[in-house]
Amino acid sequence: MTFSNRLIQWYLENKRDLPWRNTTNPYHIWLSEIILQQTRVAQGLPYYTKFIHAFPTVFDLAKASEEQVLMLWQGLGYYSRGRNLHKTAQIIAFELNGTFPTTYTELLKLKGIGSYTAAAIASFSQKEVVPVVDGNVFRVLARYFDVETDISSASAKKEFTALANELIDSKQPDVFNQAVMEFGALQCVPKSPNCSICVFNDSCAALQKKKVDLLPVKLKKTKVTERFFNYLVLEDESGQCLIHQRTAKGIWHNLYEFPLLESEKELNEKEVKEKISTTSFLTNELISLKPYDEKSVLHILSHQRLKIRFWELKVEGELKNGLSKDAVKKLPFPIVIFNFIEKNF
């Protein structure tokens, strides 16, 4: 039995029942693939359901405001995916009359769609013979064939795509692609896979050479920077707060936040008060200042570790451009601020 036949047989016996696998609708497939980038299925599934319910068609998504889209995206992270999802929906709806491109090459021209997502949509909706290559595929193929190429190197994608091209079942490329990804997600997992029950344990090169824990090879380490955020939760005499939109490029672009003091270390009460005196956004007289919690919140992103502290500032009079707490709750925030608002507002 060939590699692809054995893999597909395993998949048909072990696959999870997921809604986007029961359709060839490119809108549903595209939506699921964008949501599942950098996201586990268990976390992504409720978001997929929410999006399909709120925006049943690509036209519904295209007509929504970016704020509505980001509100639903809240908590998924990598918010540029949400913004690109919205922009691409507008292109498909208004420039392509709601019709998705039908080929891998044409799909690649759309914003936010790279080689992996284009291959997934093209194979799942059109049965185009084009392999998907993601982290799961790197791992499965590197172990089975003992490929020692560094997967973070420039040549890796090309090499693994060529290998996948040789293996893909031309009669059912959609099933093969689903199968190899599912196998990597459920069986050939990153740490301590149970090789004793694996359907390939009689032919896997890494298992035979005792290299399962060594493959795939990834040499480049991501540099992680540490940042210190102090959020100033201003509240005037009528209970209104001050909220800003993050318009600069970088993390959380176009999401909302409280006025921010970024520092080079964790600040105490006195230091926060000194920094506030040099800023321009607070013109009201300060009544009181205190931290909401004794310790900062650690929020980990792919390249950054954020130590976040929320400070309660009561001020006299009325804040210019202040918002009620009910109005604040209707805005899209990074999940760490959303959680704070849910707890304290």
Protein backbone atom coordinates (compact mmCIF):
# COMPACT_ATOMS: atom_id res chain seq x y z
CA MET A 1 0.00 0.00 0.00
CA THR A 2 1.41 3.41 -0.98
CA PHE A 3 2.04 6.25 1.48
CA SER A 4 -0.96 8.24 0.21
CA ASN A 5 -3.34 5.23 0.24
CA ARG A 6 -2.40 4.31 3.80
CA LEU A 7 -2.64 7.95 4.90
CA ILE A 8 -6.09 8.43 3.35
CA GLN A 9 -7.34 5.17 4.87
CA TRP A 10 -6.16 6.38 8.32
CA TYR A 11 -7.89 9.73 7.73
CA LEU A 12 -11.23 8.22 6.77
CA GLU A 13 -11.17 6.14 9.96
CA ASN A 14 -9.95 8.86 12.34
CA LYS A 15 -10.90 12.31 11.00
CA ARG A 16 -12.74 14.85 13.10
CA ASP A 17 -16.17 15.94 11.89
CA LEU A 18 -15.61 19.63 11.15
CA PRO A 19 -18.17 21.83 9.34
CA TRP A 20 -15.80 23.17 6.67
CA ARG A 21 -15.01 19.60 5.60
CA ASN A 22 -18.62 19.01 4.61
CA THR A 23 -18.73 21.70 1.93
CA THR A 24 -17.06 22.78 -1.29
CA ASN A 25 -18.23 26.38 -0.77
CA PRO A 26 -15.02 28.42 -1.23
CA TYR A 27 -16.30 31.17 1.09
CA HIS A 28 -16.70 28.72 3.98
CA ILE A 29 -13.36 27.05 3.23
CA TRP A 30 -11.52 30.38 2.95
CA LEU A 31 -13.07 31.62 6.19
CA SER A 32 -12.04 28.48 8.06
CA GLU A 33 -8.48 28.58 6.70
CA ILE A 34 -7.93 32.24 7.66
CA ILE A 35 -9.33 31.63 11.16
CA LEU A 36 -7.20 28.51 11.64
CA GLN A 37 -3.92 30.22 10.73
CA GLN A 38 -1.86 30.24 13.97
CA THR A 39 -4.93 28.86 15.78
CA ARG A 40 -5.88 25.41 17.07
CA VAL A 41 -9.11 23.87 15.77
CA ALA A 42 -10.69 23.79 19.25
CA GLN A 43 -10.17 27.54 19.59
CA GLY A 44 -11.05 28.40 15.99
CA LEU A 45 -14.30 26.41 15.65
CA PRO A 46 -16.49 28.76 17.78
CA TYR A 47 -15.16 31.74 15.79
CA TYR A 48 -15.96 30.03 12.49
CA THR A 49 -19.52 29.38 13.74
CA LYS A 50 -19.90 33.01 14.86
CA PHE A 51 -18.67 34.38 11.52
CA ILE A 52 -20.92 32.10 9.44
CA HIS A 53 -23.89 33.11 11.60
CA ALA A 54 -23.11 36.85 11.43
CA PHE A 55 -22.00 36.87 7.77
CA PRO A 56 -23.64 33.96 5.87
CA THR A 57 -22.23 35.13 2.52
CA VAL A 58 -19.16 36.98 1.32
CA PHE A 59 -21.45 39.94 0.53
CA ASP A 60 -22.56 40.13 4.18
CA LEU A 61 -18.93 40.17 5.31
CA ALA A 62 -17.99 42.76 2.71
CA LYS A 63 -20.81 45.09 3.77
CA ALA A 64 -19.88 44.95 7.46
CA SER A 65 -17.71 47.64 9.04
CA GLU A 66 -14.14 46.80 10.01
CA GLU A 67 -15.17 47.42 13.62
CA GLN A 68 -17.87 44.73 13.41
CA VAL A 69 -15.37 42.26 11.97
CA LEU A 70 -12.74 43.02 14.63
CA MET A 71 -15.36 42.69 17.39
CA LEU A 72 -16.06 39.12 16.25
CA TRP A 73 -12.32 38.47 15.79
CA GLN A 74 -11.57 39.60 19.36
CA GLY A 75 -9.42 37.01 21.12
CA LEU A 76 -8.07 35.25 18.01
CA GLY A 77 -4.93 37.37 17.84
CA TYR A 78 -2.96 38.27 14.70
CA TYR A 79 -5.56 40.95 13.98
CA SER A 80 -4.12 41.73 10.54
CA ARG A 81 -5.78 38.44 9.49
CA GLY A 82 -9.16 39.90 10.42
CA ARG A 83 -8.48 43.13 8.55
CA ASN A 84 -7.24 41.26 5.46
CA LEU A 85 -10.27 38.95 5.65
CA HIS A 86 -12.53 42.00 5.46
CA LYS A 87 -10.58 43.66 2.61
CA THR A 88 -10.50 40.44 0.59
CA ALA A 89 -14.25 39.95 1.09
CA GLN A 90 -14.80 43.44 -0.35
CA ILE A 91 -12.66 42.63 -3.41
CA ILE A 92 -14.51 39.34 -4.01
CA ALA A 93 -17.95 40.88 -3.45
CA PHE A 94 -17.58 44.21 -5.23
CA GLU A 95 -14.90 43.58 -7.87
CA LEU A 96 -15.45 39.88 -8.64
CA ASN A 97 -19.25 39.89 -8.18
CA GLY A 98 -19.02 37.44 -5.27
CA THR A 99 -17.23 34.76 -7.28
CA PHE A 100 -14.05 33.31 -5.78
CA PRO A 101 -11.11 32.67 -8.10
CA THR A 102 -11.11 28.98 -9.03
CA THR A 103 -7.37 28.31 -9.40
CA TYR A 104 -4.39 28.30 -7.04
CA THR A 105 -2.60 30.94 -9.13
CA GLU A 106 -5.57 33.34 -9.13
CA LEU A 107 -6.24 32.84 -5.42
CA LEU A 108 -2.66 33.86 -4.63
CA LYS A 109 -3.41 37.35 -5.95
CA LEU A 110 -5.86 38.03 -3.12
CA LYS A 111 -4.76 39.90 0.01
CA GLY A 112 -3.95 37.69 2.98
CA ILE A 113 -3.87 34.49 0.91
CA GLY A 114 -0.48 32.82 0.75
CA SER A 115 0.59 29.57 -0.88
CA TYR A 116 -0.81 27.34 1.88
CA THR A 117 -4.27 28.97 1.99
CA ALA A 118 -4.50 29.14 -1.81
CA ALA A 119 -3.64 25.44 -2.06
CA ALA A 120 -6.22 24.56 0.59
CA ILE A 121 -9.03 26.49 -1.09
CA ALA A 122 -8.14 25.29 -4.60
CA SER A 123 -7.89 21.62 -3.62
CA PHE A 124 -10.87 21.54 -1.21
CA SER A 125 -13.31 23.48 -3.40
CA GLN A 126 -12.08 22.68 -6.92
CA LYS A 127 -10.07 19.45 -6.46
CA GLU A 128 -7.04 21.14 -8.03
CA VAL A 129 -3.98 18.92 -7.65
CA VAL A 130 -1.85 21.24 -5.51
CA PRO A 131 -0.37 20.21 -2.15
CA VAL A 132 -0.78 22.11 1.11
CA VAL A 133 2.42 22.62 3.07
CA ASP A 134 2.10 23.85 6.65
CA GLY A 135 3.76 22.99 9.97
CA ASN A 136 1.92 19.67 10.19
CA VAL A 137 3.04 18.67 6.70
CA PHE A 138 6.66 19.69 7.40
CA ARG A 139 6.64 17.45 10.47
CA VAL A 140 4.99 14.40 8.89
CA LEU A 141 7.19 14.39 5.80
CA ALA A 142 10.41 15.28 7.64
CA ARG A 143 9.93 12.32 9.99
CA TYR A 144 8.66 9.76 7.50
CA PHE A 145 11.38 10.46 4.90
CA ASP A 146 14.11 11.61 7.35
CA VAL A 147 14.44 15.07 5.78
CA GLU A 148 16.98 17.11 7.76
CA THR A 149 16.49 20.40 5.91
CA ASP A 150 16.01 23.29 8.32
CA ILE A 151 12.30 24.16 7.93
CA SER A 152 13.02 27.82 8.73
CA SER A 153 15.43 28.05 5.75
CA ALA A 154 14.49 29.73 2.47
CA SER A 155 14.71 26.49 0.49
CA ALA A 156 12.57 24.34 2.80
CA LYS A 157 9.15 25.29 1.44
CA LYS A 158 10.20 24.51 -2.12
CA GLU A 159 11.75 21.15 -1.14
CA PHE A 160 8.77 19.96 0.93
CA THR A 161 6.28 21.17 -1.69
CA ALA A 162 8.11 19.13 -4.35
CA LEU A 163 8.01 16.07 -2.08
CA ALA A 164 4.30 16.55 -1.36
CA ASN A 165 3.69 16.93 -5.10
CA GLU A 166 5.12 13.46 -5.67
CA LEU A 167 2.88 11.95 -3.00
CA ILE A 168 -0.45 13.70 -3.58
CA ASP A 169 -3.30 11.54 -4.88
CA SER A 170 -4.26 13.16 -8.19
CA LYS A 171 -7.76 11.64 -8.08
CA GLN A 172 -8.56 12.99 -4.61
CA PRO A 173 -6.14 15.81 -3.81
CA ASP A 174 -8.65 17.35 -1.40
CA VAL A 175 -8.77 14.20 0.75
CA PHE A 176 -4.98 13.75 0.64
CA ASN A 177 -4.40 17.33 1.80
CA GLN A 178 -6.93 17.01 4.62
CA ALA A 179 -5.39 13.68 5.57
CA VAL A 180 -1.78 14.81 5.86
CA MET A 181 -2.78 17.85 7.95
CA GLU A 182 -5.05 15.78 10.20
CA PHE A 183 -2.34 13.16 10.64
CA GLY A 184 0.07 15.85 11.81
CA ALA A 185 -2.53 17.36 14.13
CA LEU A 186 -3.72 14.11 15.75
CA GLN A 187 -1.06 11.41 15.34
CA CYS A 188 2.34 12.80 14.33
CA VAL A 189 2.21 15.55 16.97
CA PRO A 190 5.21 17.79 17.80
CA LYS A 191 6.06 16.26 21.20
CA SER A 192 5.99 12.62 22.28
CA PRO A 193 3.85 11.12 19.49
CA ASN A 194 2.53 7.62 20.20
CA CYS A 195 4.46 5.81 17.48
CA SER A 196 3.37 2.38 18.75
CA ILE A 197 -0.11 2.88 17.25
CA CYS A 198 1.04 4.72 14.11
CA VAL A 199 0.05 3.21 10.75
CA PHE A 200 3.52 4.05 9.46
CA ASN A 201 5.54 2.53 12.29
CA ASP A 202 6.89 -0.17 9.98
CA SER A 203 8.20 2.30 7.39
CA CYS A 204 8.88 5.66 9.12
CA ALA A 205 12.57 6.54 8.72
CA ALA A 206 12.69 8.75 11.82
CA LEU A 207 11.27 5.95 14.00
CA GLN A 208 13.70 3.40 12.63
CA LYS A 209 16.64 5.76 13.20
CA LYS A 210 15.37 6.96 16.62
CA LYS A 211 15.14 10.55 15.34
CA VAL A 212 11.44 11.30 15.93
CA ASP A 213 12.21 13.91 18.60
CA LEU A 214 14.89 15.51 16.40
CA LEU A 215 12.72 16.16 13.35
CA PRO A 216 11.77 18.45 11.80
CA VAL A 217 14.90 20.58 12.13
CA LYS A 218 14.28 24.23 13.00
CA LEU A 219 17.39 26.26 13.75
CA LYS A 220 16.22 29.86 13.62
CA LYS A 221 14.95 31.06 16.98
CA THR A 222 12.42 33.87 17.15
CA LYS A 223 13.76 36.89 19.02
CA VAL A 224 11.32 37.87 21.76
CA THR A 225 11.24 41.44 23.08
CA GLU A 226 9.86 42.47 26.47
CA ARG A 227 7.62 45.53 26.76
CA PHE A 228 5.91 47.26 29.68
CA PHE A 229 2.42 48.72 29.19
CA ASN A 230 0.65 50.92 31.73
CA TYR A 231 -3.00 51.47 30.84
CA LEU A 232 -4.63 54.51 32.41
CA VAL A 233 -8.29 53.85 33.10
CA LEU A 234 -9.53 57.40 33.53
CA GLU A 235 -12.96 57.93 35.05
CA ASP A 236 -14.66 61.32 35.45
CA GLU A 237 -17.40 62.36 37.88
CA SER A 238 -20.14 61.00 35.61
CA GLY A 239 -18.40 57.62 35.21
CA GLN A 240 -17.14 58.21 31.66
CA CYS A 241 -13.83 56.83 30.38
CA LEU A 242 -11.25 57.82 27.80
CA ILE A 243 -10.56 55.42 24.91
CA HIS A 244 -8.09 55.72 22.02
CA GLN A 245 -7.80 53.80 18.76
CA ARG A 246 -4.40 52.29 17.92
CA THR A 247 -3.73 53.74 14.47
CA ALA A 248 0.03 53.10 14.29
CA LYS A 249 1.27 49.98 12.50
CA GLY A 250 2.26 47.08 14.72
CA ILE A 251 0.32 44.97 17.19
CA TRP A 252 -3.41 45.58 17.59
CA HIS A 253 -3.68 48.02 14.67
CA ASN A 254 -7.12 49.73 14.59
CA LEU A 255 -8.22 48.15 17.89
CA TYR A 256 -9.10 50.31 20.89
CA GLU A 257 -7.30 50.79 24.19
CA PHE A 258 -7.10 53.03 27.24
CA PRO A 259 -4.49 55.82 27.18
CA LEU A 260 -1.13 54.05 27.27
CA LEU A 261 2.16 54.80 28.98
CA GLU A 262 4.86 52.48 27.69
CA SER A 263 7.91 52.27 29.93
CA GLU A 264 11.27 50.51 30.01
CA LYS A 265 10.48 48.75 33.29
CA GLU A 266 7.57 48.15 35.64
CA LEU A 267 6.44 51.41 37.25
CA ASN A 268 5.28 52.17 40.77
CA GLU A 269 2.54 54.66 41.69
CA LYS A 270 4.91 57.60 42.07
CA GLU A 271 6.57 56.95 38.68
CA VAL A 272 3.20 56.67 36.92
CA LYS A 273 2.12 59.98 38.43
CA GLU A 274 5.34 61.66 37.26
CA LYS A 275 4.91 60.33 33.72
CA ILE A 276 1.28 61.47 33.59
CA SER A 277 2.37 65.02 34.40
CA THR A 278 4.37 65.11 31.14
CA THR A 279 1.52 63.88 28.90
CA SER A 280 -1.03 66.02 27.09
CA PHE A 281 -4.15 63.83 27.22
CA LEU A 282 -5.02 64.54 30.88
CA THR A 283 -6.25 68.10 31.40
CA ASN A 284 -8.62 67.34 34.28
CA GLU A 285 -7.48 67.57 37.90
CA LEU A 286 -6.42 64.17 39.24
CA ILE A 287 -8.33 63.06 42.36
CA SER A 288 -6.79 59.63 42.94
CA LEU A 289 -4.48 57.06 41.34
CA LYS A 290 -4.07 53.38 42.23
CA PRO A 291 -3.36 50.08 40.50
CA TYR A 292 -6.24 47.69 39.87
CA ASP A 293 -4.09 44.68 40.78
CA GLU A 294 -0.91 44.16 42.75
CA LYS A 295 0.86 42.40 39.88
CA SER A 296 1.04 43.08 36.17
CA VAL A 297 -0.63 40.77 33.64
CA LEU A 298 1.74 38.81 31.39
CA HIS A 299 0.45 38.69 27.81
CA ILE A 300 2.56 36.61 25.41
CA LEU A 301 2.57 37.24 21.66
CA SER A 302 4.67 35.40 19.07
CA HIS A 303 7.53 37.92 19.19
CA GLN A 304 6.76 39.92 22.31
CA ARG A 305 6.18 39.49 26.04
CA LEU A 306 3.94 42.27 27.34
CA LYS A 307 3.79 43.07 31.03
CA ILE A 308 0.56 45.01 31.42
CA ARG A 309 -0.74 46.95 34.39
CA PHE A 310 -4.05 48.78 34.63
CA TRP A 311 -4.25 51.95 36.73
CA GLU A 312 -7.44 53.52 38.07
CA LEU A 313 -7.45 57.31 37.76
CA LYS A 314 -10.39 59.30 39.15
CA VAL A 315 -10.53 62.85 37.76
CA GLU A 316 -12.57 65.97 38.44
CA GLY A 317 -15.22 67.34 36.08
CA GLU A 318 -16.00 65.81 32.73
CA LEU A 319 -13.55 64.14 30.34
CA LYS A 320 -13.42 65.61 26.85
CA ASN A 321 -14.50 62.87 24.37
CA GLY A 322 -15.37 60.60 27.29
CA LEU A 323 -17.43 57.45 26.68
CA SER A 324 -19.88 55.64 28.94
CA LYS A 325 -18.95 52.15 30.06
CA ASP A 326 -21.79 50.73 27.95
CA ALA A 327 -20.39 52.48 24.85
CA VAL A 328 -16.88 51.19 25.66
CA LYS A 329 -18.14 47.59 25.71
CA LYS A 330 -19.28 47.89 22.08
CA LEU A 331 -15.76 48.54 20.76
CA PRO A 332 -13.18 45.95 19.64
CA PHE A 333 -10.24 45.58 22.04
CA PRO A 334 -7.19 43.32 22.29
CA ILE A 335 -8.25 40.29 24.34
CA VAL A 336 -6.19 41.30 27.40
CA ILE A 337 -8.08 44.63 27.62
CA PHE A 338 -11.40 42.97 26.78
CA ASN A 339 -10.90 40.58 29.71
CA PHE A 340 -10.09 43.51 32.00
CA ILE A 341 -13.29 45.32 30.93
CA GLU A 342 -15.40 42.17 31.43
CA LYS A 343 -14.03 41.83 34.96
CA ASN A 344 -14.10 45.47 36.07
CA PHE A 345 -16.82 47.32 34.13
